[in-house]
Amino acid sequence: MSLFALFYMLFAYLLGSISSAILICRLAGLPDPRQNGSHNPGATNVLRIGNRKSALAALIFDMLKGMIPVWAGYYLVYPTIKTKKIKNK
């Protein structure tokens, strides 16, 4: 396994470990979602204790946490893959 792959996996893991609901609640001045509502730090609980804009921000942030590493992996690795051209007979 290359050094790039190891750093990329570490980056993806660390990006995924960020709790968007807690961050959004702190930035919006809302109470801690782990202590209020359903005690689950997620977009639905942010909607319960806050407002739609905060919940939408938490949802989009959660979606981007998963999409960014996948997109980056695809675009960083795809050009380096050599494909064989098969001639039609």
N, C-alpha and C. Protein backbone atom coordinates (compact mmCIF):
# COMPACT_ATOMS: atom_id res chain seq x y z
N MET A 1 0.85 -1.17 0.00
CA MET A 1 0.00 0.00 0.00
C MET A 1 0.89 1.23 0.00
N SER A 2 0.52 2.21 -0.80
CA SER A 2 1.36 3.40 -0.92
C SER A 2 1.14 4.35 0.26
N LEU A 3 2.07 5.24 0.42
CA LEU A 3 1.99 6.25 1.48
C LEU A 3 0.80 7.18 1.22
N PHE A 4 0.55 7.47 -0.05
CA PHE A 4 -0.59 8.31 -0.42
C PHE A 4 -1.90 7.66 0.05
N ALA A 5 -2.03 6.36 -0.17
CA ALA A 5 -3.25 5.66 0.22
C ALA A 5 -3.45 5.69 1.73
N LEU A 6 -2.38 5.54 2.47
CA LEU A 6 -2.49 5.59 3.93
C LEU A 6 -2.93 6.96 4.41
N PHE A 7 -2.32 8.01 3.86
CA PHE A 7 -2.73 9.37 4.24
C PHE A 7 -4.15 9.67 3.80
N TYR A 8 -4.54 9.16 2.65
CA TYR A 8 -5.89 9.38 2.16
C TYR A 8 -6.92 8.70 3.06
N MET A 9 -6.63 7.48 3.51
CA MET A 9 -7.55 6.78 4.42
C MET A 9 -7.63 7.52 5.76
N LEU A 10 -6.51 8.02 6.25
CA LEU A 10 -6.51 8.78 7.49
C LEU A 10 -7.34 10.05 7.35
N PHE A 11 -7.18 10.75 6.21
CA PHE A 11 -7.96 11.96 5.94
C PHE A 11 -9.45 11.65 5.91
N ALA A 12 -9.84 10.58 5.21
CA ALA A 12 -11.26 10.22 5.11
C ALA A 12 -11.83 9.85 6.47
N TYR A 13 -11.05 9.12 7.26
CA TYR A 13 -11.50 8.72 8.60
C TYR A 13 -11.70 9.96 9.49
N LEU A 14 -10.73 10.85 9.48
CA LEU A 14 -10.83 12.05 10.32
C LEU A 14 -11.96 12.97 9.87
N LEU A 15 -12.16 13.09 8.58
CA LEU A 15 -13.27 13.91 8.08
C LEU A 15 -14.61 13.32 8.50
N GLY A 16 -14.73 12.01 8.47
CA GLY A 16 -15.97 11.35 8.86
C GLY A 16 -16.24 11.40 10.35
N SER A 17 -15.20 11.63 11.14
CA SER A 17 -15.39 11.64 12.59
C SER A 17 -15.87 13.00 13.13
N ILE A 18 -15.94 13.99 12.27
CA ILE A 18 -16.42 15.30 12.70
C ILE A 18 -17.94 15.24 12.86
N SER A 19 -18.44 15.67 14.00
CA SER A 19 -19.88 15.68 14.25
C SER A 19 -20.47 17.01 13.79
N SER A 20 -21.14 16.97 12.66
CA SER A 20 -21.67 18.21 12.09
C SER A 20 -22.77 18.81 12.95
N ALA A 21 -23.60 17.97 13.57
CA ALA A 21 -24.70 18.49 14.38
C ALA A 21 -24.18 19.30 15.57
N ILE A 22 -23.13 18.81 16.20
CA ILE A 22 -22.57 19.54 17.34
C ILE A 22 -21.94 20.84 16.88
N LEU A 23 -21.22 20.80 15.76
CA LEU A 23 -20.61 22.02 15.22
C LEU A 23 -21.65 23.07 14.85
N ILE A 24 -22.68 22.64 14.14
CA ILE A 24 -23.73 23.57 13.69
C ILE A 24 -24.46 24.16 14.90
N CYS A 25 -24.74 23.34 15.90
CA CYS A 25 -25.43 23.85 17.09
C CYS A 25 -24.57 24.87 17.82
N ARG A 26 -23.28 24.62 17.91
CA ARG A 26 -22.40 25.60 18.58
C ARG A 26 -22.34 26.90 17.80
N LEU A 27 -22.24 26.80 16.47
CA LEU A 27 -22.16 28.01 15.65
C LEU A 27 -23.46 28.79 15.65
N ALA A 28 -24.60 28.09 15.74
CA ALA A 28 -25.90 28.75 15.71
C ALA A 28 -26.38 29.16 17.10
N GLY A 29 -25.63 28.82 18.14
CA GLY A 29 -26.03 29.17 19.50
C GLY A 29 -27.15 28.31 20.05
N LEU A 30 -27.29 27.11 19.51
CA LEU A 30 -28.32 26.18 19.97
C LEU A 30 -27.76 25.31 21.10
N PRO A 31 -28.64 24.69 21.89
CA PRO A 31 -28.13 23.80 22.94
C PRO A 31 -27.47 22.55 22.35
N ASP A 32 -26.67 21.90 23.15
CA ASP A 32 -25.95 20.70 22.73
C ASP A 32 -26.95 19.59 22.40
N PRO A 33 -26.91 19.04 21.17
CA PRO A 33 -27.90 18.01 20.80
C PRO A 33 -27.71 16.69 21.56
N ARG A 34 -26.56 16.49 22.18
CA ARG A 34 -26.34 15.27 22.97
C ARG A 34 -27.03 15.35 24.31
N GLN A 35 -27.39 16.57 24.75
CA GLN A 35 -28.02 16.77 26.05
C GLN A 35 -29.51 17.12 25.93
N ASN A 36 -29.98 17.44 24.71
CA ASN A 36 -31.36 17.88 24.51
C ASN A 36 -32.02 17.06 23.43
N GLY A 37 -33.34 17.16 23.35
CA GLY A 37 -34.09 16.43 22.33
C GLY A 37 -33.98 14.93 22.54
N SER A 38 -33.62 14.21 21.49
CA SER A 38 -33.51 12.75 21.58
C SER A 38 -32.12 12.30 22.04
N HIS A 39 -31.26 13.24 22.35
CA HIS A 39 -29.88 12.98 22.79
C HIS A 39 -29.03 12.33 21.69
N ASN A 40 -29.46 12.45 20.45
CA ASN A 40 -28.73 11.89 19.32
C ASN A 40 -28.20 13.04 18.47
N PRO A 41 -26.88 13.15 18.30
CA PRO A 41 -26.34 14.26 17.50
C PRO A 41 -26.53 14.00 16.00
N GLY A 42 -27.68 14.38 15.51
CA GLY A 42 -27.99 14.21 14.10
C GLY A 42 -28.86 15.35 13.61
N ALA A 43 -29.10 15.38 12.31
CA ALA A 43 -29.87 16.48 11.71
C ALA A 43 -31.30 16.53 12.22
N THR A 44 -31.92 15.38 12.46
CA THR A 44 -33.29 15.37 12.96
C THR A 44 -33.39 15.97 14.35
N ASN A 45 -32.43 15.68 15.19
CA ASN A 45 -32.44 16.27 16.53
C ASN A 45 -32.15 17.77 16.47
N VAL A 46 -31.31 18.19 15.54
CA VAL A 46 -31.06 19.63 15.37
C VAL A 46 -32.36 20.31 14.95
N LEU A 47 -33.16 19.65 14.12
CA LEU A 47 -34.45 20.20 13.74
C LEU A 47 -35.37 20.31 14.95
N ARG A 48 -35.34 19.33 15.83
CA ARG A 48 -36.18 19.36 17.03
C ARG A 48 -35.82 20.50 17.97
N ILE A 49 -34.53 20.71 18.17
CA ILE A 49 -34.12 21.72 19.16
C ILE A 49 -33.81 23.08 18.53
N GLY A 50 -33.74 23.12 17.21
CA GLY A 50 -33.38 24.38 16.54
C GLY A 50 -34.38 24.77 15.48
N ASN A 51 -33.87 24.97 14.29
CA ASN A 51 -34.72 25.39 13.19
C ASN A 51 -34.33 24.65 11.91
N ARG A 52 -35.08 24.90 10.85
CA ARG A 52 -34.86 24.19 9.59
C ARG A 52 -33.50 24.49 8.97
N LYS A 53 -33.08 25.73 9.05
CA LYS A 53 -31.80 26.10 8.43
C LYS A 53 -30.63 25.37 9.09
N SER A 54 -30.66 25.28 10.39
CA SER A 54 -29.60 24.57 11.10
C SER A 54 -29.62 23.08 10.78
N ALA A 55 -30.82 22.50 10.72
CA ALA A 55 -30.94 21.08 10.41
C ALA A 55 -30.49 20.80 8.98
N LEU A 56 -30.83 21.68 8.05
CA LEU A 56 -30.40 21.51 6.66
C LEU A 56 -28.89 21.63 6.55
N ALA A 57 -28.30 22.56 7.30
CA ALA A 57 -26.85 22.71 7.29
C ALA A 57 -26.17 21.45 7.83
N ALA A 58 -26.71 20.87 8.90
CA ALA A 58 -26.15 19.64 9.46
C ALA A 58 -26.29 18.48 8.48
N LEU A 59 -27.43 18.39 7.81
CA LEU A 59 -27.65 17.33 6.83
C LEU A 59 -26.69 17.45 5.65
N ILE A 60 -26.54 18.66 5.11
CA ILE A 60 -25.64 18.86 3.97
C ILE A 60 -24.20 18.58 4.37
N PHE A 61 -23.81 19.03 5.55
CA PHE A 61 -22.45 18.77 6.03
C PHE A 61 -22.21 17.26 6.15
N ASP A 62 -23.20 16.52 6.67
CA ASP A 62 -23.07 15.06 6.79
C ASP A 62 -22.95 14.41 5.42
N MET A 63 -23.71 14.89 4.46
CA MET A 63 -23.63 14.33 3.11
C MET A 63 -22.27 14.61 2.48
N LEU A 64 -21.77 15.81 2.67
CA LEU A 64 -20.47 16.17 2.09
C LEU A 64 -19.33 15.40 2.74
N LYS A 65 -19.48 15.05 4.02
CA LYS A 65 -18.44 14.26 4.70
C LYS A 65 -18.23 12.92 4.01
N GLY A 66 -19.28 12.37 3.47
CA GLY A 66 -19.15 11.10 2.76
C GLY A 66 -18.80 11.26 1.30
N MET A 67 -19.29 12.33 0.68
CA MET A 67 -19.08 12.50 -0.75
C MET A 67 -17.70 13.01 -1.11
N ILE A 68 -17.15 13.89 -0.31
CA ILE A 68 -15.85 14.49 -0.64
C ILE A 68 -14.74 13.44 -0.73
N PRO A 69 -14.59 12.53 0.23
CA PRO A 69 -13.55 11.51 0.07
C PRO A 69 -13.75 10.60 -1.14
N VAL A 70 -15.02 10.27 -1.43
CA VAL A 70 -15.28 9.42 -2.59
C VAL A 70 -14.95 10.14 -3.89
N TRP A 71 -15.39 11.37 -4.02
CA TRP A 71 -15.08 12.14 -5.22
C TRP A 71 -13.57 12.36 -5.36
N ALA A 72 -12.94 12.73 -4.27
CA ALA A 72 -11.49 12.98 -4.32
C ALA A 72 -10.75 11.70 -4.69
N GLY A 73 -11.14 10.58 -4.12
CA GLY A 73 -10.50 9.31 -4.46
C GLY A 73 -10.68 8.96 -5.92
N TYR A 74 -11.86 9.20 -6.44
CA TYR A 74 -12.12 8.90 -7.85
C TYR A 74 -11.27 9.78 -8.77
N TYR A 75 -11.25 11.08 -8.51
CA TYR A 75 -10.53 11.99 -9.40
C TYR A 75 -9.02 11.95 -9.21
N LEU A 76 -8.56 11.55 -8.04
CA LEU A 76 -7.11 11.45 -7.83
C LEU A 76 -6.54 10.14 -8.37
N VAL A 77 -7.33 9.08 -8.37
CA VAL A 77 -6.84 7.77 -8.80
C VAL A 77 -7.21 7.47 -10.24
N TYR A 78 -8.33 7.94 -10.71
CA TYR A 78 -8.82 7.59 -12.05
C TYR A 78 -7.82 7.89 -13.17
N PRO A 79 -7.17 9.05 -13.22
CA PRO A 79 -6.23 9.31 -14.32
C PRO A 79 -5.01 8.38 -14.32
N THR A 80 -4.68 7.78 -13.20
CA THR A 80 -3.49 6.93 -13.14
C THR A 80 -3.77 5.49 -13.54
N ILE A 81 -5.04 5.13 -13.71
CA ILE A 81 -5.38 3.77 -14.11
C ILE A 81 -5.21 3.66 -15.62
N LYS A 82 -4.40 2.73 -16.03
CA LYS A 82 -4.18 2.51 -17.46
C LYS A 82 -5.16 1.44 -17.92
N THR A 83 -5.87 1.73 -18.97
CA THR A 83 -6.82 0.76 -19.50
C THR A 83 -6.33 0.24 -20.84
N LYS A 84 -6.63 -1.01 -21.10
CA LYS A 84 -6.28 -1.61 -22.38
C LYS A 84 -7.35 -1.28 -23.39
N LYS A 85 -6.91 -0.97 -24.58
CA LYS A 85 -7.87 -0.77 -25.66
C LYS A 85 -8.07 -2.09 -26.36
N ILE A 86 -9.30 -2.49 -26.46
CA ILE A 86 -9.63 -3.76 -27.11
C ILE A 86 -10.10 -3.44 -28.52
N LYS A 87 -9.44 -4.10 -29.47
CA LYS A 87 -9.80 -3.87 -30.88
C LYS A 87 -11.01 -4.74 -31.22
N ASN A 88 -11.94 -4.14 -31.92
CA ASN A 88 -13.10 -4.89 -32.40
C ASN A 88 -12.70 -5.68 -33.63
N LYS A 89 -13.06 -6.93 -33.69
CA LYS A 89 -12.73 -7.76 -34.86
C LYS A 89 -13.95 -8.06 -35.66
